[in-house]
Amino acid sequence: MEPESLAVIDVEVEPIDNPEPEEDETWYSAVQIQGLLRVSKAGLQQSISKLVSIYGLDIKTLRRGAARATQYSETALKAIKLLNAQKFTELRNLVETTPTEPSTTASTAIVYLGQHNQIATTAASVADSNLTQIASFKSGLLNNYRELGRALGKQAAAEVRLGFTEEVKAALSDLQES
């Protein structure tokens, strides 16, 4: 076996496609932002909800990450401070100067999910309708078979009686003749 020679190469790497834009903004953990704003976890969530639903701020500009790794932006910190201080004019100015991030992928995904949900709901209701019809047809068929069985039973009983009566008549006439 020949010994391999290893060499260390110093390479400068520059990303070609950087999915995240250059960050100039500071991000805070949930504990940090709660301490800075002196709000509870529920109060923080309510404030974020108001900023998104009432003031139309994009959730991506306010927070990133999930669960325990959630981080809040400096914009979120400023906006919540203004919201809690009821400085609505300044808050509106902040909202207007905040750049919005296009969220075409998220909205497209939501549209597709909505369409798939609608298709699934329609398919489920059609399946329920089909099962109801099948149960109705089965019930009708069983009732038809029962009626047919009763009718055939009555007919067979009548034929047996008629045949028995004719046989008895023939036997009696044979006895009388003899």
N, C-alpha and C. Protein backbone atom coordinates (compact mmCIF):
# COMPACT_ATOMS: atom_id res chain seq x y z
N MET A 1 0.83 -1.15 0.00
CA MET A 1 0.00 0.00 0.00
C MET A 1 0.89 1.24 0.00
N GLU A 2 0.56 2.17 -0.86
CA GLU A 2 1.36 3.38 -0.95
C GLU A 2 0.83 4.44 0.00
N PRO A 3 1.72 5.16 0.65
CA PRO A 3 1.24 6.23 1.54
C PRO A 3 0.63 7.36 0.71
N GLU A 4 -0.46 7.86 1.18
CA GLU A 4 -1.13 8.96 0.49
C GLU A 4 -0.60 10.28 1.01
N SER A 5 -0.50 11.21 0.13
CA SER A 5 -0.07 12.53 0.58
C SER A 5 -1.29 13.43 0.63
N LEU A 6 -1.42 14.12 1.72
CA LEU A 6 -2.55 15.02 1.90
C LEU A 6 -2.04 16.44 1.89
N ALA A 7 -2.79 17.29 1.26
CA ALA A 7 -2.41 18.69 1.21
C ALA A 7 -3.61 19.52 1.65
N VAL A 8 -3.33 20.57 2.36
CA VAL A 8 -4.38 21.48 2.80
C VAL A 8 -4.40 22.64 1.82
N ILE A 9 -5.56 22.90 1.28
CA ILE A 9 -5.71 23.99 0.32
C ILE A 9 -6.58 25.06 0.96
N ASP A 10 -6.11 26.28 0.95
CA ASP A 10 -6.86 27.40 1.50
C ASP A 10 -7.69 28.00 0.38
N VAL A 11 -9.02 27.97 0.56
CA VAL A 11 -9.92 28.42 -0.48
C VAL A 11 -10.85 29.48 0.09
N GLU A 12 -11.06 30.53 -0.68
CA GLU A 12 -12.06 31.53 -0.29
C GLU A 12 -13.36 31.17 -0.97
N VAL A 13 -14.42 31.13 -0.19
CA VAL A 13 -15.72 30.73 -0.72
C VAL A 13 -16.64 31.93 -0.72
N GLU A 14 -17.33 32.08 -1.82
CA GLU A 14 -18.31 33.14 -1.94
C GLU A 14 -19.60 32.50 -2.43
N PRO A 15 -20.67 32.65 -1.70
CA PRO A 15 -21.92 32.00 -2.13
C PRO A 15 -22.43 32.59 -3.45
N ILE A 16 -22.93 31.71 -4.29
CA ILE A 16 -23.47 32.14 -5.57
C ILE A 16 -24.89 32.64 -5.39
N ASP A 17 -25.71 31.80 -4.82
CA ASP A 17 -27.10 32.17 -4.56
C ASP A 17 -27.31 32.20 -3.06
N ASN A 18 -27.40 33.37 -2.51
CA ASN A 18 -27.61 33.51 -1.08
C ASN A 18 -29.10 33.72 -0.84
N PRO A 19 -29.81 32.72 -0.27
CA PRO A 19 -31.25 32.86 -0.09
C PRO A 19 -31.62 33.93 0.93
N GLU A 20 -30.75 34.21 1.89
CA GLU A 20 -31.07 35.23 2.89
C GLU A 20 -30.36 36.52 2.53
N PRO A 21 -31.06 37.63 2.58
CA PRO A 21 -30.42 38.91 2.26
C PRO A 21 -29.40 39.30 3.32
N GLU A 22 -28.54 40.23 2.97
CA GLU A 22 -27.56 40.73 3.92
C GLU A 22 -28.30 41.31 5.12
N GLU A 23 -27.83 40.98 6.30
CA GLU A 23 -28.53 41.42 7.50
C GLU A 23 -27.84 42.62 8.12
N ASP A 24 -28.59 43.69 8.28
CA ASP A 24 -28.10 44.84 9.01
C ASP A 24 -28.84 44.92 10.34
N GLU A 25 -29.88 44.14 10.47
CA GLU A 25 -30.76 44.23 11.61
C GLU A 25 -30.36 43.23 12.70
N THR A 26 -30.58 43.62 13.94
CA THR A 26 -30.28 42.76 15.07
C THR A 26 -31.50 41.88 15.35
N TRP A 27 -31.24 40.63 15.69
CA TRP A 27 -32.32 39.70 16.03
C TRP A 27 -32.17 39.30 17.49
N TYR A 28 -33.30 39.17 18.19
CA TYR A 28 -33.31 38.87 19.62
C TYR A 28 -34.06 37.56 19.87
N SER A 29 -33.62 36.86 20.90
CA SER A 29 -34.35 35.65 21.30
C SER A 29 -35.64 36.08 21.99
N ALA A 30 -36.53 35.13 22.18
CA ALA A 30 -37.82 35.43 22.81
C ALA A 30 -37.60 35.94 24.24
N VAL A 31 -36.67 35.33 24.96
CA VAL A 31 -36.40 35.75 26.35
C VAL A 31 -35.85 37.17 26.38
N GLN A 32 -34.93 37.47 25.45
CA GLN A 32 -34.34 38.81 25.40
C GLN A 32 -35.41 39.87 25.12
N ILE A 33 -36.25 39.61 24.13
CA ILE A 33 -37.24 40.61 23.75
C ILE A 33 -38.31 40.77 24.83
N GLN A 34 -38.65 39.67 25.52
CA GLN A 34 -39.61 39.77 26.63
C GLN A 34 -39.02 40.62 27.75
N GLY A 35 -37.73 40.45 28.00
CA GLY A 35 -37.07 41.25 29.04
C GLY A 35 -36.98 42.72 28.66
N LEU A 36 -36.65 42.99 27.40
CA LEU A 36 -36.53 44.38 26.94
C LEU A 36 -37.88 45.10 26.94
N LEU A 37 -38.94 44.36 26.58
CA LEU A 37 -40.27 44.97 26.49
C LEU A 37 -41.07 44.85 27.80
N ARG A 38 -40.58 44.01 28.70
CA ARG A 38 -41.29 43.73 29.95
C ARG A 38 -42.71 43.22 29.68
N VAL A 39 -42.79 42.20 28.81
CA VAL A 39 -44.08 41.57 28.49
C VAL A 39 -43.96 40.07 28.68
N SER A 40 -45.10 39.44 28.87
CA SER A 40 -45.13 37.99 28.99
C SER A 40 -45.09 37.37 27.60
N LYS A 41 -44.99 36.05 27.57
CA LYS A 41 -44.98 35.34 26.29
C LYS A 41 -46.30 35.58 25.56
N ALA A 42 -47.41 35.52 26.30
CA ALA A 42 -48.73 35.75 25.70
C ALA A 42 -48.85 37.19 25.19
N GLY A 43 -48.35 38.15 25.97
CA GLY A 43 -48.38 39.55 25.55
C GLY A 43 -47.58 39.78 24.28
N LEU A 44 -46.42 39.11 24.19
CA LEU A 44 -45.58 39.21 23.00
C LEU A 44 -46.33 38.66 21.78
N GLN A 45 -46.95 37.49 21.95
CA GLN A 45 -47.68 36.88 20.84
C GLN A 45 -48.86 37.74 20.41
N GLN A 46 -49.56 38.35 21.38
CA GLN A 46 -50.70 39.21 21.04
C GLN A 46 -50.21 40.44 20.27
N SER A 47 -49.10 41.01 20.69
CA SER A 47 -48.56 42.19 20.00
C SER A 47 -48.16 41.84 18.57
N ILE A 48 -47.48 40.71 18.41
CA ILE A 48 -47.08 40.27 17.07
C ILE A 48 -48.32 40.05 16.21
N SER A 49 -49.33 39.43 16.79
CA SER A 49 -50.59 39.19 16.06
C SER A 49 -51.24 40.49 15.61
N LYS A 50 -51.26 41.49 16.48
CA LYS A 50 -51.84 42.79 16.12
C LYS A 50 -51.03 43.44 15.00
N LEU A 51 -49.71 43.37 15.09
CA LEU A 51 -48.86 43.99 14.07
C LEU A 51 -49.08 43.34 12.70
N VAL A 52 -49.32 42.05 12.70
CA VAL A 52 -49.53 41.34 11.43
C VAL A 52 -50.94 41.59 10.90
N SER A 53 -51.95 41.40 11.77
CA SER A 53 -53.34 41.48 11.29
C SER A 53 -53.84 42.91 11.10
N ILE A 54 -53.54 43.81 12.01
CA ILE A 54 -54.07 45.17 11.93
C ILE A 54 -53.17 46.08 11.09
N TYR A 55 -51.87 46.02 11.34
CA TYR A 55 -50.96 46.95 10.67
C TYR A 55 -50.34 46.38 9.40
N GLY A 56 -50.58 45.11 9.11
CA GLY A 56 -50.15 44.51 7.85
C GLY A 56 -48.66 44.27 7.71
N LEU A 57 -47.95 44.17 8.83
CA LEU A 57 -46.52 43.85 8.75
C LEU A 57 -46.36 42.38 8.39
N ASP A 58 -45.37 42.08 7.59
CA ASP A 58 -45.09 40.70 7.21
C ASP A 58 -44.46 39.98 8.39
N ILE A 59 -44.97 38.80 8.68
CA ILE A 59 -44.47 38.03 9.83
C ILE A 59 -42.98 37.75 9.69
N LYS A 60 -42.48 37.62 8.45
CA LYS A 60 -41.06 37.33 8.24
C LYS A 60 -40.17 38.50 8.62
N THR A 61 -40.73 39.71 8.59
CA THR A 61 -39.92 40.86 9.02
C THR A 61 -39.91 40.99 10.53
N LEU A 62 -40.86 40.32 11.20
CA LEU A 62 -40.96 40.41 12.65
C LEU A 62 -40.25 39.27 13.37
N ARG A 63 -40.36 38.06 12.83
CA ARG A 63 -39.73 36.93 13.52
C ARG A 63 -39.29 35.89 12.52
N ARG A 64 -38.37 35.03 12.98
CA ARG A 64 -37.88 33.92 12.17
C ARG A 64 -37.61 32.75 13.09
N GLY A 65 -37.52 31.57 12.52
CA GLY A 65 -37.27 30.38 13.31
C GLY A 65 -38.55 29.79 13.83
N ALA A 66 -38.42 28.73 14.61
CA ALA A 66 -39.60 28.07 15.15
C ALA A 66 -39.33 27.58 16.56
N ALA A 67 -40.39 27.44 17.30
CA ALA A 67 -40.37 26.92 18.67
C ALA A 67 -39.37 27.69 19.54
N ARG A 68 -38.44 26.97 20.14
CA ARG A 68 -37.49 27.62 21.05
C ARG A 68 -36.43 28.44 20.32
N ALA A 69 -36.31 28.23 19.01
CA ALA A 69 -35.30 28.94 18.22
C ALA A 69 -35.87 30.21 17.58
N THR A 70 -37.07 30.62 17.95
CA THR A 70 -37.67 31.82 17.37
C THR A 70 -36.88 33.06 17.77
N GLN A 71 -36.63 33.90 16.78
CA GLN A 71 -35.93 35.16 17.01
C GLN A 71 -36.81 36.30 16.51
N TYR A 72 -36.72 37.44 17.18
CA TYR A 72 -37.52 38.61 16.84
C TYR A 72 -36.60 39.72 16.36
N SER A 73 -37.04 40.43 15.34
CA SER A 73 -36.22 41.47 14.72
C SER A 73 -36.25 42.78 15.53
N GLU A 74 -35.32 43.63 15.17
CA GLU A 74 -35.27 44.95 15.79
C GLU A 74 -36.53 45.73 15.41
N THR A 75 -37.02 45.51 14.20
CA THR A 75 -38.27 46.14 13.77
C THR A 75 -39.42 45.72 14.68
N ALA A 76 -39.46 44.44 15.03
CA ALA A 76 -40.50 43.95 15.93
C ALA A 76 -40.38 44.62 17.29
N LEU A 77 -39.15 44.76 17.78
CA LEU A 77 -38.92 45.40 19.07
C LEU A 77 -39.44 46.83 19.06
N LYS A 78 -39.07 47.58 18.01
CA LYS A 78 -39.51 48.98 17.91
C LYS A 78 -41.03 49.07 17.78
N ALA A 79 -41.60 48.22 16.93
CA ALA A 79 -43.04 48.27 16.68
C ALA A 79 -43.83 47.93 17.94
N ILE A 80 -43.39 46.92 18.68
CA ILE A 80 -44.11 46.53 19.90
C ILE A 80 -43.98 47.63 20.96
N LYS A 81 -42.80 48.26 21.04
CA LYS A 81 -42.65 49.38 21.99
C LYS A 81 -43.64 50.49 21.66
N LEU A 82 -43.75 50.84 20.39
CA LEU A 82 -44.67 51.90 19.97
C LEU A 82 -46.13 51.48 20.19
N LEU A 83 -46.43 50.22 19.91
CA LEU A 83 -47.80 49.71 20.11
C LEU A 83 -48.19 49.76 21.58
N ASN A 84 -47.29 49.30 22.45
CA ASN A 84 -47.58 49.30 23.89
C ASN A 84 -47.65 50.71 24.48
N ALA A 85 -46.88 51.64 23.87
CA ALA A 85 -46.91 53.03 24.34
C ALA A 85 -48.06 53.81 23.71
N GLN A 86 -48.79 53.14 22.84
CA GLN A 86 -49.93 53.73 22.12
C GLN A 86 -49.53 54.94 21.30
N LYS A 87 -48.36 54.85 20.71
CA LYS A 87 -47.88 55.90 19.80
C LYS A 87 -48.18 55.43 18.38
N PHE A 88 -49.45 55.54 18.01
CA PHE A 88 -49.93 54.95 16.77
C PHE A 88 -49.44 55.68 15.53
N THR A 89 -49.24 56.98 15.59
CA THR A 89 -48.74 57.73 14.44
C THR A 89 -47.32 57.30 14.12
N GLU A 90 -46.50 57.20 15.15
CA GLU A 90 -45.12 56.76 14.94
C GLU A 90 -45.08 55.31 14.46
N LEU A 91 -45.99 54.49 15.00
CA LEU A 91 -46.08 53.10 14.58
C LEU A 91 -46.44 53.02 13.10
N ARG A 92 -47.41 53.83 12.67
CA ARG A 92 -47.82 53.84 11.27
C ARG A 92 -46.65 54.27 10.38
N ASN A 93 -45.86 55.26 10.82
CA ASN A 93 -44.68 55.69 10.06
C ASN A 93 -43.66 54.56 9.96
N LEU A 94 -43.46 53.83 11.06
CA LEU A 94 -42.53 52.69 11.05
C LEU A 94 -43.01 51.62 10.08
N VAL A 95 -44.31 51.35 10.11
CA VAL A 95 -44.89 50.33 9.23
C VAL A 95 -44.69 50.74 7.77
N GLU A 96 -44.89 52.01 7.46
CA GLU A 96 -44.76 52.48 6.08
C GLU A 96 -43.32 52.45 5.60
N THR A 97 -42.36 52.64 6.50
CA THR A 97 -40.95 52.63 6.09
C THR A 97 -40.34 51.24 6.12
N THR A 98 -41.03 50.28 6.69
CA THR A 98 -40.51 48.92 6.76
C THR A 98 -40.65 48.26 5.39
N PRO A 99 -39.54 47.74 4.85
CA PRO A 99 -39.63 47.06 3.55
C PRO A 99 -40.40 45.75 3.70
N THR A 100 -41.20 45.47 2.70
CA THR A 100 -41.95 44.22 2.73
C THR A 100 -41.23 43.19 1.90
N GLU A 101 -41.24 41.97 2.39
CA GLU A 101 -40.61 40.88 1.66
C GLU A 101 -41.68 40.17 0.85
N PRO A 102 -41.40 39.91 -0.40
CA PRO A 102 -42.39 39.18 -1.19
C PRO A 102 -42.50 37.75 -0.67
N SER A 103 -43.70 37.32 -0.44
CA SER A 103 -43.92 35.97 0.08
C SER A 103 -44.72 35.15 -0.91
N THR A 104 -44.25 35.12 -2.18
CA THR A 104 -44.98 34.40 -3.22
C THR A 104 -44.99 32.91 -2.96
N THR A 105 -43.89 32.37 -2.46
CA THR A 105 -43.87 30.93 -2.22
C THR A 105 -44.86 30.54 -1.15
N ALA A 106 -44.92 31.30 -0.08
CA ALA A 106 -45.86 30.96 1.00
C ALA A 106 -47.29 31.09 0.52
N SER A 107 -47.59 32.16 -0.21
CA SER A 107 -48.97 32.34 -0.65
C SER A 107 -49.34 31.29 -1.68
N THR A 108 -48.40 30.90 -2.55
CA THR A 108 -48.66 29.85 -3.52
C THR A 108 -48.93 28.54 -2.80
N ALA A 109 -48.13 28.25 -1.79
CA ALA A 109 -48.33 27.02 -1.03
C ALA A 109 -49.69 27.02 -0.36
N ILE A 110 -50.09 28.17 0.18
CA ILE A 110 -51.38 28.26 0.84
C ILE A 110 -52.50 28.05 -0.17
N VAL A 111 -52.36 28.61 -1.38
CA VAL A 111 -53.37 28.41 -2.42
C VAL A 111 -53.48 26.94 -2.78
N TYR A 112 -52.32 26.29 -2.97
CA TYR A 112 -52.34 24.87 -3.31
C TYR A 112 -52.96 24.04 -2.19
N LEU A 113 -52.60 24.36 -0.95
CA LEU A 113 -53.19 23.64 0.18
C LEU A 113 -54.70 23.85 0.22
N GLY A 114 -55.13 25.08 -0.04
CA GLY A 114 -56.56 25.36 -0.06
C GLY A 114 -57.27 24.57 -1.14
N GLN A 115 -56.65 24.49 -2.33
CA GLN A 115 -57.25 23.73 -3.42
C GLN A 115 -57.30 22.25 -3.08
N HIS A 116 -56.21 21.71 -2.53
CA HIS A 116 -56.20 20.30 -2.17
C HIS A 116 -57.22 20.02 -1.06
N ASN A 117 -57.34 20.94 -0.12
CA ASN A 117 -58.31 20.76 0.95
C ASN A 117 -59.72 20.76 0.37
N GLN A 118 -60.00 21.64 -0.58
CA GLN A 118 -61.32 21.70 -1.21
C GLN A 118 -61.59 20.41 -1.98
N ILE A 119 -60.61 19.91 -2.71
CA ILE A 119 -60.77 18.66 -3.45
C ILE A 119 -61.02 17.50 -2.49
N ALA A 120 -60.26 17.45 -1.40
CA ALA A 120 -60.43 16.38 -0.42
C ALA A 120 -61.81 16.45 0.22
N THR A 121 -62.27 17.66 0.52
CA THR A 121 -63.60 17.81 1.13
C THR A 121 -64.68 17.37 0.16
N THR A 122 -64.55 17.77 -1.11
CA THR A 122 -65.52 17.35 -2.12
C THR A 122 -65.52 15.84 -2.29
N ALA A 123 -64.32 15.25 -2.36
CA ALA A 123 -64.21 13.80 -2.51
C ALA A 123 -64.83 13.08 -1.32
N ALA A 124 -64.64 13.61 -0.13
CA ALA A 124 -65.21 12.99 1.07
C ALA A 124 -66.73 13.05 1.03
N SER A 125 -67.29 14.19 0.61
CA SER A 125 -68.75 14.31 0.57
C SER A 125 -69.33 13.40 -0.51
N VAL A 126 -68.64 13.27 -1.67
CA VAL A 126 -69.11 12.37 -2.72
C VAL A 126 -69.04 10.93 -2.24
N ALA A 127 -67.97 10.58 -1.55
CA ALA A 127 -67.84 9.21 -1.02
C ALA A 127 -68.95 8.92 -0.01
N ASP A 128 -69.26 9.88 0.86
CA ASP A 128 -70.35 9.70 1.82
C ASP A 128 -71.68 9.50 1.10
N SER A 129 -71.91 10.29 0.06
CA SER A 129 -73.14 10.18 -0.72
C SER A 129 -73.22 8.81 -1.39
N ASN A 130 -72.10 8.36 -1.97
CA ASN A 130 -72.07 7.04 -2.61
C ASN A 130 -72.33 5.93 -1.61
N LEU A 131 -71.73 6.02 -0.43
CA LEU A 131 -71.96 5.00 0.60
C LEU A 131 -73.42 4.98 1.05
N THR A 132 -74.03 6.15 1.14
CA THR A 132 -75.44 6.23 1.52
C THR A 132 -76.30 5.58 0.44
N GLN A 133 -76.00 5.84 -0.83
CA GLN A 133 -76.76 5.22 -1.92
C GLN A 133 -76.58 3.71 -1.93
N ILE A 134 -75.35 3.25 -1.72
CA ILE A 134 -75.09 1.81 -1.69
C ILE A 134 -75.88 1.15 -0.56
N ALA A 135 -75.89 1.78 0.61
CA ALA A 135 -76.65 1.23 1.73
C ALA A 135 -78.13 1.18 1.40
N SER A 136 -78.64 2.21 0.73
CA SER A 136 -80.05 2.25 0.34
C SER A 136 -80.35 1.14 -0.67
N PHE A 137 -79.49 0.98 -1.68
CA PHE A 137 -79.68 -0.09 -2.67
C PHE A 137 -79.64 -1.46 -2.02
N LYS A 138 -78.70 -1.66 -1.09
CA LYS A 138 -78.58 -2.94 -0.40
C LYS A 138 -79.85 -3.24 0.38
N SER A 139 -80.35 -2.24 1.08
CA SER A 139 -81.57 -2.41 1.86
C SER A 139 -82.74 -2.76 0.94
N GLY A 140 -82.85 -2.06 -0.19
CA GLY A 140 -83.92 -2.33 -1.16
C GLY A 140 -83.82 -3.72 -1.73
N LEU A 141 -82.59 -4.16 -2.07
CA LEU A 141 -82.40 -5.52 -2.60
C LEU A 141 -82.78 -6.59 -1.58
N LEU A 142 -82.36 -6.37 -0.33
CA LEU A 142 -82.71 -7.34 0.71
C LEU A 142 -84.23 -7.43 0.89
N ASN A 143 -84.92 -6.30 0.86
CA ASN A 143 -86.38 -6.31 0.97
C ASN A 143 -87.00 -7.01 -0.23
N ASN A 144 -86.47 -6.79 -1.44
CA ASN A 144 -86.99 -7.47 -2.64
C ASN A 144 -86.81 -8.98 -2.53
N TYR A 145 -85.63 -9.42 -2.06
CA TYR A 145 -85.38 -10.86 -1.90
C TYR A 145 -86.31 -11.46 -0.84
N ARG A 146 -86.56 -10.74 0.22
CA ARG A 146 -87.48 -11.24 1.26
C ARG A 146 -88.90 -11.41 0.70
N GLU A 147 -89.36 -10.40 -0.05
CA GLU A 147 -90.70 -10.47 -0.65
C GLU A 147 -90.79 -11.62 -1.65
N LEU A 148 -89.74 -11.74 -2.47
CA LEU A 148 -89.70 -12.82 -3.44
C LEU A 148 -89.72 -14.18 -2.74
N GLY A 149 -88.97 -14.29 -1.65
CA GLY A 149 -88.97 -15.53 -0.87
C GLY A 149 -90.34 -15.85 -0.28
N ARG A 150 -91.00 -14.82 0.25
CA ARG A 150 -92.34 -15.02 0.79
C ARG A 150 -93.32 -15.47 -0.30
N ALA A 151 -93.25 -14.78 -1.45
CA ALA A 151 -94.17 -15.12 -2.55
C ALA A 151 -93.93 -16.53 -3.05
N LEU A 152 -92.63 -16.87 -3.21
CA LEU A 152 -92.32 -18.23 -3.68
C LEU A 152 -92.72 -19.28 -2.63
N GLY A 153 -92.56 -18.94 -1.36
CA GLY A 153 -92.97 -19.86 -0.29
C GLY A 153 -94.47 -20.09 -0.31
N LYS A 154 -95.23 -19.00 -0.48
CA LYS A 154 -96.70 -19.15 -0.55
C LYS A 154 -97.10 -19.97 -1.77
N GLN A 155 -96.44 -19.71 -2.91
CA GLN A 155 -96.75 -20.44 -4.12
C GLN A 155 -96.42 -21.92 -3.95
N ALA A 156 -95.29 -22.21 -3.36
CA ALA A 156 -94.90 -23.61 -3.15
C ALA A 156 -95.87 -24.29 -2.20
N ALA A 157 -96.25 -23.58 -1.13
CA ALA A 157 -97.20 -24.15 -0.18
C ALA A 157 -98.54 -24.43 -0.86
N ALA A 158 -98.99 -23.50 -1.71
CA ALA A 158 -100.26 -23.71 -2.42
C ALA A 158 -100.17 -24.90 -3.36
N GLU A 159 -99.01 -25.02 -4.06
CA GLU A 159 -98.84 -26.15 -4.97
C GLU A 159 -98.79 -27.47 -4.21
N VAL A 160 -98.15 -27.46 -3.06
CA VAL A 160 -98.09 -28.68 -2.24
C VAL A 160 -99.49 -29.06 -1.78
N ARG A 161 -100.23 -28.05 -1.30
CA ARG A 161 -101.59 -28.34 -0.86
C ARG A 161 -102.45 -28.86 -2.01
N LEU A 162 -102.33 -28.20 -3.16
CA LEU A 162 -103.11 -28.61 -4.31
C LEU A 162 -102.73 -30.02 -4.74
N GLY A 163 -101.42 -30.29 -4.77
CA GLY A 163 -100.96 -31.62 -5.15
C GLY A 163 -101.37 -32.66 -4.13
N PHE A 164 -101.30 -32.33 -2.86
CA PHE A 164 -101.70 -33.25 -1.80
C PHE A 164 -103.19 -33.53 -1.90
N THR A 165 -103.95 -32.50 -2.16
CA THR A 165 -105.41 -32.66 -2.27
C THR A 165 -105.74 -33.54 -3.46
N GLU A 166 -105.08 -33.33 -4.59
CA GLU A 166 -105.35 -34.16 -5.76
C GLU A 166 -104.94 -35.60 -5.52
N GLU A 167 -103.82 -35.80 -4.82
CA GLU A 167 -103.38 -37.16 -4.52
C GLU A 167 -104.36 -37.85 -3.58
N VAL A 168 -104.87 -37.10 -2.61
CA VAL A 168 -105.84 -37.67 -1.67
C VAL A 168 -107.12 -38.02 -2.42
N LYS A 169 -107.57 -37.17 -3.32
CA LYS A 169 -108.77 -37.44 -4.12
C LYS A 169 -108.57 -38.68 -4.95
N ALA A 170 -107.41 -38.79 -5.57
CA ALA A 170 -107.14 -39.97 -6.42
C ALA A 170 -107.10 -41.21 -5.57
N ALA A 171 -106.51 -41.15 -4.38
CA ALA A 171 -106.44 -42.32 -3.50
C ALA A 171 -107.84 -42.70 -3.03
N LEU A 172 -108.70 -41.71 -2.71
CA LEU A 172 -110.05 -41.99 -2.26
C LEU A 172 -110.89 -42.59 -3.40
N SER A 173 -110.70 -42.06 -4.59
CA SER A 173 -111.48 -42.62 -5.70
C SER A 173 -111.02 -44.05 -6.01
N ASP A 174 -109.71 -44.34 -5.82
CA ASP A 174 -109.21 -45.70 -6.00
C ASP A 174 -109.82 -46.63 -4.95
N LEU A 175 -109.99 -46.14 -3.74
CA LEU A 175 -110.57 -46.93 -2.66
C LEU A 175 -112.05 -47.20 -2.92
N GLN A 176 -112.72 -46.20 -3.42
CA GLN A 176 -114.15 -46.36 -3.67
C GLN A 176 -114.36 -47.32 -4.82
N GLU A 177 -113.54 -47.32 -5.76
CA GLU A 177 -113.69 -48.22 -6.90
C GLU A 177 -113.36 -49.67 -6.52
N SER A 178 -112.57 -49.83 -5.57
CA SER A 178 -112.19 -51.19 -5.24
C SER A 178 -113.08 -51.82 -4.23
